[in-house]
């Protein structure tokens, strides 16, 4: 498969003696579901934020389709975030004064292509909620709205940082199942950070981060289905 992202010798240092990432190199292949696991403070969220361009590394490069995003100026970086990638976080970050439909449409870029709202909302099972406000939704429904907002602009890569961390088992499994469906249907590359090792068992690849380095990098020949997951 073609690599959509090349991480080359990335180091991140916040203070003189506080090295968070230590010369990490990775390739992320297009259309794959990669899970990154590791203890709190291991550096996995920092790595995800650098991969997505939310943080700049102290040294090293991040090549997205051959372009080094660490060299982008603010305007080019804003275009990159607006048109090329999506984010899903543990918190839903929905705007309380906007309807579900309006929250989702925030994700549409003015210059880029996008999926039809009816298609996305039906896929995620929220087609009957479009005129509701976030306060009228459950946590699982709010997270599905956040997923819709992230993918409606047809991103190449979807970055998920503890996207099920605030959900119970039923809703967490529903979101994971939907993310796998999105990857299969649209070919979106997904990079997912979690503490839940059961989620990792459903992935194509599992990367374990420890003390700012890659401890293990394993391809999963026989990932389990979401239905087979335990929940921890």
C-alpha atoms as a PDB file:
ATOM      1  CA  UNK A   1       0.000   0.000   0.000  1.00  0.00           C
ATOM      2  CA  UNK A   2       0.988   3.610  -0.536  1.00  0.00           C
ATOM      3  CA  UNK A   3       2.206   5.551   2.486  1.00  0.00           C
ATOM      4  CA  UNK A   4       0.032   8.614   3.049  1.00  0.00           C
ATOM      5  CA  UNK A   5       2.175   9.830   5.963  1.00  0.00           C
ATOM      6  CA  UNK A   6       5.914   9.565   6.618  1.00  0.00           C
ATOM      7  CA  UNK A   7       7.216  10.489  10.068  1.00  0.00           C
ATOM      8  CA  UNK A   8      10.986  10.900   9.941  1.00  0.00           C
ATOM      9  CA  UNK A   9      13.132  11.159  13.095  1.00  0.00           C
ATOM     10  CA  UNK A  10      10.626  13.311  14.960  1.00  0.00           C
ATOM     11  CA  UNK A  11      11.750  14.685  18.315  1.00  0.00           C
ATOM     12  CA  UNK A  12       9.709  16.921  20.604  1.00  0.00           C
ATOM     13  CA  UNK A  13      11.193  18.782  23.530  1.00  0.00           C
ATOM     14  CA  UNK A  14       9.130  21.198  25.649  1.00  0.00           C
ATOM     15  CA  UNK A  15      11.813  22.229  28.103  1.00  0.00           C
ATOM     16  CA  UNK A  16      15.587  21.916  28.120  1.00  0.00           C
ATOM     17  CA  UNK A  17      15.570  18.487  29.756  1.00  0.00           C
ATOM     18  CA  UNK A  18      11.991  17.377  28.972  1.00  0.00           C
ATOM     19  CA  UNK A  19      12.180  15.262  25.818  1.00  0.00           C
ATOM     20  CA  UNK A  20       8.693  13.939  25.019  1.00  0.00           C
ATOM     21  CA  UNK A  21       9.468  12.176  21.721  1.00  0.00           C
ATOM     22  CA  UNK A  22      12.803  10.687  20.701  1.00  0.00           C
ATOM     23  CA  UNK A  23      13.540  10.446  16.963  1.00  0.00           C
ATOM     24  CA  UNK A  24      10.391   8.557  16.018  1.00  0.00           C
ATOM     25  CA  UNK A  25      10.078   7.290  12.458  1.00  0.00           C
ATOM     26  CA  UNK A  26       6.894   5.711  11.095  1.00  0.00           C
ATOM     27  CA  UNK A  27       4.988   5.154   7.878  1.00  0.00           C
ATOM     28  CA  UNK A  28       1.181   5.238   7.861  1.00  0.00           C
ATOM     29  CA  UNK A  29      -0.328   3.487   4.863  1.00  0.00           C
ATOM     30  CA  UNK A  30      -3.418   4.800   3.115  1.00  0.00           C
ATOM     31  CA  UNK A  31      -6.730   3.203   4.032  1.00  0.00           C
ATOM     32  CA  UNK A  32      -5.510   1.505   7.211  1.00  0.00           C
ATOM     33  CA  UNK A  33      -6.795   1.566  10.792  1.00  0.00           C
ATOM     34  CA  UNK A  34      -3.827   2.129  13.119  1.00  0.00           C
ATOM     35  CA  UNK A  35      -4.177   2.168  16.901  1.00  0.00           C
ATOM     36  CA  UNK A  36      -1.576   3.746  19.184  1.00  0.00           C
ATOM     37  CA  UNK A  37      -1.526   2.627  22.816  1.00  0.00           C
ATOM     38  CA  UNK A  38       0.592   3.603  25.795  1.00  0.00           C
ATOM     39  CA  UNK A  39       0.385   4.821  29.357  1.00  0.00           C
ATOM     40  CA  UNK A  40      -0.470   8.414  30.198  1.00  0.00           C
ATOM     41  CA  UNK A  41       2.618  10.543  29.593  1.00  0.00           C
ATOM     42  CA  UNK A  42       4.109   8.093  27.090  1.00  0.00           C
ATOM     43  CA  UNK A  43       4.009  10.687  24.304  1.00  0.00           C
ATOM     44  CA  UNK A  44       1.288   9.180  22.133  1.00  0.00           C
ATOM     45  CA  UNK A  45      -0.991  12.249  22.169  1.00  0.00           C
ATOM     46  CA  UNK A  46       1.967  14.514  21.443  1.00  0.00           C
ATOM     47  CA  UNK A  47       2.903  12.267  18.518  1.00  0.00           C
ATOM     48  CA  UNK A  48      -0.670  12.355  17.195  1.00  0.00           C
ATOM     49  CA  UNK A  49      -0.760  16.149  17.441  1.00  0.00           C
ATOM     50  CA  UNK A  50       2.521  16.433  15.549  1.00  0.00           C
ATOM     51  CA  UNK A  51       1.334  13.972  12.887  1.00  0.00           C
ATOM     52  CA  UNK A  52      -1.784  16.077  12.372  1.00  0.00           C
ATOM     53  CA  UNK A  53       0.034  19.409  12.366  1.00  0.00           C
ATOM     54  CA  UNK A  54      -1.450  20.712  15.616  1.00  0.00           C
ATOM     55  CA  UNK A  55       2.076  20.778  17.076  1.00  0.00           C
ATOM     56  CA  UNK A  56       5.426  21.333  15.428  1.00  0.00           C
ATOM     57  CA  UNK A  57       8.274  18.948  16.249  1.00  0.00           C
ATOM     58  CA  UNK A  58      11.536  20.207  17.678  1.00  0.00           C
ATOM     59  CA  UNK A  59      13.258  18.335  14.860  1.00  0.00           C
ATOM     60  CA  UNK A  60      12.320  15.875  12.136  1.00  0.00           C
ATOM     61  CA  UNK A  61       9.772  15.977   9.332  1.00  0.00           C
ATOM     62  CA  UNK A  62       6.167  14.925   8.650  1.00  0.00           C
ATOM     63  CA  UNK A  63       5.533  14.180   4.997  1.00  0.00           C
ATOM     64  CA  UNK A  64       1.879  14.115   3.941  1.00  0.00           C
ATOM     65  CA  UNK A  65       1.625  12.900   0.346  1.00  0.00           C
ATOM     66  CA  UNK A  66       5.215  14.038  -0.144  1.00  0.00           C
ATOM     67  CA  UNK A  67       4.812  17.514   1.390  1.00  0.00           C
ATOM     68  CA  UNK A  68       6.501  18.393   4.663  1.00  0.00           C
ATOM     69  CA  UNK A  69       3.735  19.901   6.782  1.00  0.00           C
ATOM     70  CA  UNK A  70       6.266  21.148   9.347  1.00  0.00           C
ATOM     71  CA  UNK A  71       7.354  23.685   6.717  1.00  0.00           C
ATOM     72  CA  UNK A  72       3.847  25.013   6.058  1.00  0.00           C
ATOM     73  CA  UNK A  73       3.129  28.624   6.970  1.00  0.00           C
ATOM     74  CA  UNK A  74       0.009  29.418   9.003  1.00  0.00           C
ATOM     75  CA  UNK A  75      -2.253  29.854   5.967  1.00  0.00           C
ATOM     76  CA  UNK A  76      -1.142  26.631   4.294  1.00  0.00           C
ATOM     77  CA  UNK A  77      -1.449  24.762   7.587  1.00  0.00           C
ATOM     78  CA  UNK A  78      -4.978  26.107   8.067  1.00  0.00           C
ATOM     79  CA  UNK A  79      -5.898  24.901   4.566  1.00  0.00           C
ATOM     80  CA  UNK A  80      -4.409  21.507   5.363  1.00  0.00           C
ATOM     81  CA  UNK A  81      -6.544  21.172   8.506  1.00  0.00           C
ATOM     82  CA  UNK A  82      -9.635  22.465   6.753  1.00  0.00           C
ATOM     83  CA  UNK A  83      -9.405  20.267   3.654  1.00  0.00           C
ATOM     84  CA  UNK A  84      -7.268  17.187   4.266  1.00  0.00           C
ATOM     85  CA  UNK A  85      -7.730  15.823   7.795  1.00  0.00           C
ATOM     86  CA  UNK A  86     -10.390  15.322  10.452  1.00  0.00           C
ATOM     87  CA  UNK A  87     -10.210  15.159  14.251  1.00  0.00           C
ATOM     88  CA  UNK A  88     -12.344  13.388  16.844  1.00  0.00           C
ATOM     89  CA  UNK A  89     -11.641  13.940  20.529  1.00  0.00           C
ATOM     90  CA  UNK A  90     -12.885  12.522  23.819  1.00  0.00           C
ATOM     91  CA  UNK A  91     -14.901  15.712  24.302  1.00  0.00           C
ATOM     92  CA  UNK A  92     -17.450  16.305  21.567  1.00  0.00           C
ATOM     93  CA  UNK A  93     -16.900  20.068  21.144  1.00  0.00           C
ATOM     94  CA  UNK A  94     -20.371  20.621  19.703  1.00  0.00           C
ATOM     95  CA  UNK A  95     -21.733  24.166  19.718  1.00  0.00           C
ATOM     96  CA  UNK A  96     -24.726  24.203  22.039  1.00  0.00           C
ATOM     97  CA  UNK A  97     -26.615  26.959  20.191  1.00  0.00           C
ATOM     98  CA  UNK A  98     -26.454  25.128  16.839  1.00  0.00           C
ATOM     99  CA  UNK A  99     -28.549  22.188  15.679  1.00  0.00           C
ATOM    100  CA  UNK A 100     -27.005  18.842  14.800  1.00  0.00           C
ATOM    101  CA  UNK A 101     -27.190  19.733  11.106  1.00  0.00           C
ATOM    102  CA  UNK A 102     -25.487  23.073  11.682  1.00  0.00           C
ATOM    103  CA  UNK A 103     -22.771  21.462  13.829  1.00  0.00           C
ATOM    104  CA  UNK A 104     -22.015  18.928  11.104  1.00  0.00           C
ATOM    105  CA  UNK A 105     -21.946  21.546   8.356  1.00  0.00           C
ATOM    106  CA  UNK A 106     -19.217  23.434  10.232  1.00  0.00           C
ATOM    107  CA  UNK A 107     -16.902  20.686   9.006  1.00  0.00           C
ATOM    108  CA  UNK A 108     -17.487  21.499   5.334  1.00  0.00           C
ATOM    109  CA  UNK A 109     -14.647  23.369   3.675  1.00  0.00           C
ATOM    110  CA  UNK A 110     -15.624  26.304   1.470  1.00  0.00           C
ATOM    111  CA  UNK A 111     -13.101  25.282  -1.175  1.00  0.00           C
ATOM    112  CA  UNK A 112     -13.072  21.476  -0.917  1.00  0.00           C
ATOM    113  CA  UNK A 113     -15.414  18.638  -1.826  1.00  0.00           C
ATOM    114  CA  UNK A 114     -17.711  17.012   0.728  1.00  0.00           C
ATOM    115  CA  UNK A 115     -20.100  14.133   1.261  1.00  0.00           C
ATOM    116  CA  UNK A 116     -23.841  14.720   1.262  1.00  0.00           C
ATOM    117  CA  UNK A 117     -25.305  15.344   4.718  1.00  0.00           C
ATOM    118  CA  UNK A 118     -28.120  12.855   4.126  1.00  0.00           C
ATOM    119  CA  UNK A 119     -25.628  10.114   3.226  1.00  0.00           C
ATOM    120  CA  UNK A 120     -23.410  10.708   6.268  1.00  0.00           C
ATOM    121  CA  UNK A 121     -26.256  11.130   8.749  1.00  0.00           C
ATOM    122  CA  UNK A 122     -27.920   7.917   7.564  1.00  0.00           C
ATOM    123  CA  UNK A 123     -24.650   5.989   7.764  1.00  0.00           C
ATOM    124  CA  UNK A 124     -24.130   7.146  11.361  1.00  0.00           C
ATOM    125  CA  UNK A 125     -27.742   6.663  12.399  1.00  0.00           C
ATOM    126  CA  UNK A 126     -28.423  10.294  13.229  1.00  0.00           C
ATOM    127  CA  UNK A 127     -30.731  11.217  10.350  1.00  0.00           C
ATOM    128  CA  UNK A 128     -33.644  11.759  12.753  1.00  0.00           C
ATOM    129  CA  UNK A 129     -31.597  14.078  14.985  1.00  0.00           C
ATOM    130  CA  UNK A 130     -30.599  16.784  12.515  1.00  0.00           C
ATOM    131  CA  UNK A 131     -32.922  19.440  13.957  1.00  0.00           C
ATOM    132  CA  UNK A 132     -32.128  18.651  17.583  1.00  0.00           C
ATOM    133  CA  UNK A 133     -29.663  20.551  19.769  1.00  0.00           C
ATOM    134  CA  UNK A 134     -26.694  18.883  21.527  1.00  0.00           C
ATOM    135  CA  UNK A 135     -28.378  19.155  24.944  1.00  0.00           C
ATOM    136  CA  UNK A 136     -31.123  16.876  23.654  1.00  0.00           C
ATOM    137  CA  UNK A 137     -28.710  14.085  22.718  1.00  0.00           C
ATOM    138  CA  UNK A 138     -27.018  11.268  24.626  1.00  0.00           C
ATOM    139  CA  UNK A 139     -23.235  11.101  24.805  1.00  0.00           C
ATOM    140  CA  UNK A 140     -23.120   8.403  22.135  1.00  0.00           C
ATOM    141  CA  UNK A 141     -25.305  10.462  19.811  1.00  0.00           C
ATOM    142  CA  UNK A 142     -23.158  13.548  20.363  1.00  0.00           C
ATOM    143  CA  UNK A 143     -20.012  11.606  19.490  1.00  0.00           C
ATOM    144  CA  UNK A 144     -21.622  10.325  16.281  1.00  0.00           C
ATOM    145  CA  UNK A 145     -22.389  13.957  15.388  1.00  0.00           C
ATOM    146  CA  UNK A 146     -18.720  14.770  16.043  1.00  0.00           C
ATOM    147  CA  UNK A 147     -17.732  11.896  13.733  1.00  0.00           C
ATOM    148  CA  UNK A 148     -20.052  13.234  11.030  1.00  0.00           C
ATOM    149  CA  UNK A 149     -18.564  16.725  11.366  1.00  0.00           C
ATOM    150  CA  UNK A 150     -15.053  15.292  11.015  1.00  0.00           C
ATOM    151  CA  UNK A 151     -15.687  13.160   7.927  1.00  0.00           C
ATOM    152  CA  UNK A 152     -18.183  15.209   5.905  1.00  0.00           C
ATOM    153  CA  UNK A 153     -15.326  17.124   4.228  1.00  0.00           C
ATOM    154  CA  UNK A 154     -13.847  13.867   2.805  1.00  0.00           C
ATOM    155  CA  UNK A 155     -10.599  13.879   4.791  1.00  0.00           C
ATOM    156  CA  UNK A 156      -7.747  11.619   3.787  1.00  0.00           C
ATOM    157  CA  UNK A 157      -6.838  10.956   7.427  1.00  0.00           C
ATOM    158  CA  UNK A 158      -9.002  10.874  10.535  1.00  0.00           C
ATOM    159  CA  UNK A 159      -7.185  11.402  13.852  1.00  0.00           C
ATOM    160  CA  UNK A 160      -8.992  10.106  16.938  1.00  0.00           C
ATOM    161  CA  UNK A 161      -7.699  10.964  20.414  1.00  0.00           C
ATOM    162  CA  UNK A 162      -9.467   8.792  23.033  1.00  0.00           C
ATOM    163  CA  UNK A 163     -12.635   9.138  20.947  1.00  0.00           C
ATOM    164  CA  UNK A 164     -14.502   6.587  23.087  1.00  0.00           C
ATOM    165  CA  UNK A 165     -13.044   7.667  26.438  1.00  0.00           C
ATOM    166  CA  UNK A 166     -16.270   9.292  27.667  1.00  0.00           C
ATOM    167  CA  UNK A 167     -18.618   6.569  26.398  1.00  0.00           C
ATOM    168  CA  UNK A 168     -20.077   3.463  27.977  1.00  0.00           C
ATOM    169  CA  UNK A 169     -19.517   0.025  26.447  1.00  0.00           C
ATOM    170  CA  UNK A 170     -22.520   0.006  24.116  1.00  0.00           C
ATOM    171  CA  UNK A 171     -21.862   3.472  22.700  1.00  0.00           C
ATOM    172  CA  UNK A 172     -18.100   2.929  22.583  1.00  0.00           C
ATOM    173  CA  UNK A 173     -18.507  -0.230  20.534  1.00  0.00           C
ATOM    174  CA  UNK A 174     -20.989   1.564  18.270  1.00  0.00           C
ATOM    175  CA  UNK A 175     -18.469   4.321  17.525  1.00  0.00           C
ATOM    176  CA  UNK A 176     -15.646   1.830  16.849  1.00  0.00           C
ATOM    177  CA  UNK A 177     -17.927  -0.163  14.547  1.00  0.00           C
ATOM    178  CA  UNK A 178     -18.869   2.996  12.660  1.00  0.00           C
ATOM    179  CA  UNK A 179     -15.223   4.032  12.275  1.00  0.00           C
ATOM    180  CA  UNK A 180     -14.396   0.664  10.733  1.00  0.00           C
ATOM    181  CA  UNK A 181     -17.399   1.041   8.421  1.00  0.00           C
ATOM    182  CA  UNK A 182     -16.248   4.527   7.403  1.00  0.00           C
ATOM    183  CA  UNK A 183     -12.759   3.233   6.622  1.00  0.00           C
ATOM    184  CA  UNK A 184     -14.147   0.381   4.525  1.00  0.00           C
ATOM    185  CA  UNK A 185     -16.707   2.495   2.685  1.00  0.00           C
ATOM    186  CA  UNK A 186     -14.683   5.640   2.057  1.00  0.00           C
ATOM    187  CA  UNK A 187     -11.065   4.492   2.318  1.00  0.00           C
ATOM    188  CA  UNK A 188     -10.265   7.038   5.032  1.00  0.00           C
ATOM    189  CA  UNK A 189      -7.016   6.369   6.903  1.00  0.00           C
ATOM    190  CA  UNK A 190      -7.656   6.257  10.658  1.00  0.00           C
ATOM    191  CA  UNK A 191      -5.138   6.794  13.453  1.00  0.00           C
ATOM    192  CA  UNK A 192      -6.714   6.111  16.848  1.00  0.00           C
ATOM    193  CA  UNK A 193      -5.221   6.695  20.303  1.00  0.00           C
ATOM    194  CA  UNK A 194      -6.665   4.693  23.174  1.00  0.00           C
ATOM    195  CA  UNK A 195      -5.951   3.121  26.550  1.00  0.00           C
ATOM    196  CA  UNK A 196      -8.336   0.292  25.623  1.00  0.00           C
ATOM    197  CA  UNK A 197      -6.318  -2.679  24.381  1.00  0.00           C
ATOM    198  CA  UNK A 198      -9.496  -4.391  23.191  1.00  0.00           C
ATOM    199  CA  UNK A 199     -10.000  -1.628  20.626  1.00  0.00           C
ATOM    200  CA  UNK A 200      -6.430  -2.241  19.483  1.00  0.00           C
ATOM    201  CA  UNK A 201      -7.332  -5.877  18.720  1.00  0.00           C
ATOM    202  CA  UNK A 202      -9.738  -4.676  15.994  1.00  0.00           C
ATOM    203  CA  UNK A 203      -7.033  -2.677  14.166  1.00  0.00           C
ATOM    204  CA  UNK A 204      -4.783  -3.438  11.192  1.00  0.00           C
ATOM    205  CA  UNK A 205      -1.773  -2.265  13.161  1.00  0.00           C
ATOM    206  CA  UNK A 206      -0.942  -1.549  16.792  1.00  0.00           C
ATOM    207  CA  UNK A 207       1.849   0.829  17.810  1.00  0.00           C
ATOM    208  CA  UNK A 208       2.884   0.891  21.470  1.00  0.00           C
ATOM    209  CA  UNK A 209       4.507   4.117  22.681  1.00  0.00           C
ATOM    210  CA  UNK A 210       6.593   4.185  25.866  1.00  0.00           C
ATOM    211  CA  UNK A 211       8.751   6.991  27.234  1.00  0.00           C
ATOM    212  CA  UNK A 212       8.678   8.856  23.927  1.00  0.00           C
ATOM    213  CA  UNK A 213       9.792   5.915  21.775  1.00  0.00           C
ATOM    214  CA  UNK A 214       8.140   3.139  19.790  1.00  0.00           C
ATOM    215  CA  UNK A 215       8.226   0.041  21.988  1.00  0.00           C
ATOM    216  CA  UNK A 216       6.301  -2.274  19.632  1.00  0.00           C
ATOM    217  CA  UNK A 217       4.954  -1.908  16.105  1.00  0.00           C
ATOM    218  CA  UNK A 218       2.810  -4.887  15.150  1.00  0.00           C
ATOM    219  CA  UNK A 219       0.684  -5.703  12.115  1.00  0.00           C
ATOM    220  CA  UNK A 220      -2.465  -7.605  13.052  1.00  0.00           C
ATOM    221  CA  UNK A 221      -2.991 -10.550  10.721  1.00  0.00           C
ATOM    222  CA  UNK A 222      -6.331 -11.529  12.277  1.00  0.00           C
ATOM    223  CA  UNK A 223      -8.021  -8.536  13.924  1.00  0.00           C
ATOM    224  CA  UNK A 224     -11.114  -9.360  15.946  1.00  0.00           C
ATOM    225  CA  UNK A 225     -14.561  -8.003  15.162  1.00  0.00           C
ATOM    226  CA  UNK A 226     -16.125  -5.315  17.308  1.00  0.00           C
ATOM    227  CA  UNK A 227     -18.691  -7.894  18.463  1.00  0.00           C
ATOM    228  CA  UNK A 228     -15.861 -10.021  19.899  1.00  0.00           C
ATOM    229  CA  UNK A 229     -14.448  -7.160  21.972  1.00  0.00           C
ATOM    230  CA  UNK A 230     -14.438  -7.057  25.719  1.00  0.00           C
ATOM    231  CA  UNK A 231     -14.581  -3.536  27.183  1.00  0.00           C
ATOM    232  CA  UNK A 232     -12.044  -2.239  29.677  1.00  0.00           C
END
